[in-house]
């Protein structure tokens, strides 16, 4: 199961949890079921690490993603 980030629409609590795509967890702070899945960013490679793909995408440094960004691939 993937790790997803959520934000409670009732109390604004932000949390991460393991969930299937079709599941909607309850807020651990207030128990509300009105939570919104948040867009997660891809992890930046470790400093000095070799990604094996050449130059890093600008999105990895907080910029706009390039047109061929693997994070946006379907």
C-alpha atoms as a PDB file:
ATOM      1  CA  UNK A   1       0.000   0.000   0.000  1.00  0.00           C
ATOM      2  CA  UNK A   2       1.299   3.468  -0.827  1.00  0.00           C
ATOM      3  CA  UNK A   3       1.775   6.284   1.673  1.00  0.00           C
ATOM      4  CA  UNK A   4      -0.570   9.225   1.051  1.00  0.00           C
ATOM      5  CA  UNK A   5      -0.772  12.691   2.597  1.00  0.00           C
ATOM      6  CA  UNK A   6      -4.177  14.007   3.676  1.00  0.00           C
ATOM      7  CA  UNK A   7      -5.619  17.242   5.080  1.00  0.00           C
ATOM      8  CA  UNK A   8      -8.769  17.228   7.216  1.00  0.00           C
ATOM      9  CA  UNK A   9     -11.424  19.614   5.918  1.00  0.00           C
ATOM     10  CA  UNK A  10     -12.953  19.861   9.405  1.00  0.00           C
ATOM     11  CA  UNK A  11      -9.940  20.658  11.647  1.00  0.00           C
ATOM     12  CA  UNK A  12      -7.163  21.325   9.032  1.00  0.00           C
ATOM     13  CA  UNK A  13      -4.946  18.584  10.544  1.00  0.00           C
ATOM     14  CA  UNK A  14      -2.396  17.251   8.019  1.00  0.00           C
ATOM     15  CA  UNK A  15      -1.282  13.632   8.240  1.00  0.00           C
ATOM     16  CA  UNK A  16       0.182  10.749   6.245  1.00  0.00           C
ATOM     17  CA  UNK A  17      -1.083   7.191   6.262  1.00  0.00           C
ATOM     18  CA  UNK A  18      -0.891   3.970   4.282  1.00  0.00           C
ATOM     19  CA  UNK A  19      -4.061   3.565   2.239  1.00  0.00           C
ATOM     20  CA  UNK A  20      -5.351   1.996  -0.929  1.00  0.00           C
ATOM     21  CA  UNK A  21      -6.242   4.507  -3.639  1.00  0.00           C
ATOM     22  CA  UNK A  22      -9.983   3.961  -3.217  1.00  0.00           C
ATOM     23  CA  UNK A  23      -9.869   4.239   0.605  1.00  0.00           C
ATOM     24  CA  UNK A  24     -10.527   7.452   2.517  1.00  0.00           C
ATOM     25  CA  UNK A  25      -9.174   7.321   6.080  1.00  0.00           C
ATOM     26  CA  UNK A  26     -10.576   9.203   9.059  1.00  0.00           C
ATOM     27  CA  UNK A  27      -8.678  12.131  10.551  1.00  0.00           C
ATOM     28  CA  UNK A  28      -6.598  10.879  13.504  1.00  0.00           C
ATOM     29  CA  UNK A  29      -7.042  14.230  15.299  1.00  0.00           C
ATOM     30  CA  UNK A  30     -10.838  14.665  15.193  1.00  0.00           C
ATOM     31  CA  UNK A  31     -12.188  11.462  13.591  1.00  0.00           C
ATOM     32  CA  UNK A  32     -13.874  13.278  10.693  1.00  0.00           C
ATOM     33  CA  UNK A  33     -14.256  11.442   7.389  1.00  0.00           C
ATOM     34  CA  UNK A  34     -13.978  14.625   5.295  1.00  0.00           C
ATOM     35  CA  UNK A  35     -10.301  14.444   4.350  1.00  0.00           C
ATOM     36  CA  UNK A  36      -8.666  15.599   1.142  1.00  0.00           C
ATOM     37  CA  UNK A  37      -5.751  13.772  -0.466  1.00  0.00           C
ATOM     38  CA  UNK A  38      -2.774  16.088  -0.974  1.00  0.00           C
ATOM     39  CA  UNK A  39      -0.356  16.131  -3.882  1.00  0.00           C
ATOM     40  CA  UNK A  40       2.936  14.591  -2.767  1.00  0.00           C
ATOM     41  CA  UNK A  41       6.318  15.600  -4.133  1.00  0.00           C
ATOM     42  CA  UNK A  42       8.850  13.081  -5.347  1.00  0.00           C
ATOM     43  CA  UNK A  43      11.901  12.522  -3.177  1.00  0.00           C
ATOM     44  CA  UNK A  44      15.154  14.228  -4.087  1.00  0.00           C
ATOM     45  CA  UNK A  45      18.117  11.876  -4.596  1.00  0.00           C
ATOM     46  CA  UNK A  46      20.595  11.801  -1.724  1.00  0.00           C
ATOM     47  CA  UNK A  47      23.511  14.232  -1.936  1.00  0.00           C
ATOM     48  CA  UNK A  48      26.364  12.641  -3.823  1.00  0.00           C
ATOM     49  CA  UNK A  49      24.125   9.816  -4.975  1.00  0.00           C
ATOM     50  CA  UNK A  50      24.127   8.692  -8.577  1.00  0.00           C
ATOM     51  CA  UNK A  51      20.662   8.642 -10.122  1.00  0.00           C
ATOM     52  CA  UNK A  52      21.988   7.132 -13.327  1.00  0.00           C
ATOM     53  CA  UNK A  53      19.818   9.444 -15.434  1.00  0.00           C
ATOM     54  CA  UNK A  54      22.045  12.515 -15.847  1.00  0.00           C
ATOM     55  CA  UNK A  55      20.755  15.958 -14.928  1.00  0.00           C
ATOM     56  CA  UNK A  56      18.040  16.398 -12.286  1.00  0.00           C
ATOM     57  CA  UNK A  57      14.651  17.830 -13.172  1.00  0.00           C
ATOM     58  CA  UNK A  58      13.964  21.374 -11.904  1.00  0.00           C
ATOM     59  CA  UNK A  59      10.985  20.019  -9.926  1.00  0.00           C
ATOM     60  CA  UNK A  60      13.430  18.213  -7.653  1.00  0.00           C
ATOM     61  CA  UNK A  61      14.808  21.591  -6.594  1.00  0.00           C
ATOM     62  CA  UNK A  62      11.368  23.162  -6.107  1.00  0.00           C
ATOM     63  CA  UNK A  63      10.999  24.583  -9.627  1.00  0.00           C
ATOM     64  CA  UNK A  64       8.518  23.845 -12.370  1.00  0.00           C
ATOM     65  CA  UNK A  65       8.621  20.285 -13.736  1.00  0.00           C
ATOM     66  CA  UNK A  66      10.001  19.704 -17.207  1.00  0.00           C
ATOM     67  CA  UNK A  67       7.695  18.384 -19.928  1.00  0.00           C
ATOM     68  CA  UNK A  68       9.234  14.894 -19.702  1.00  0.00           C
ATOM     69  CA  UNK A  69       9.205  14.761 -15.887  1.00  0.00           C
ATOM     70  CA  UNK A  70       8.991  11.114 -14.759  1.00  0.00           C
ATOM     71  CA  UNK A  71       6.865  12.256 -11.801  1.00  0.00           C
ATOM     72  CA  UNK A  72       4.138  13.325 -14.243  1.00  0.00           C
ATOM     73  CA  UNK A  73       4.277  10.165 -16.385  1.00  0.00           C
ATOM     74  CA  UNK A  74       1.133   8.045 -16.484  1.00  0.00           C
END
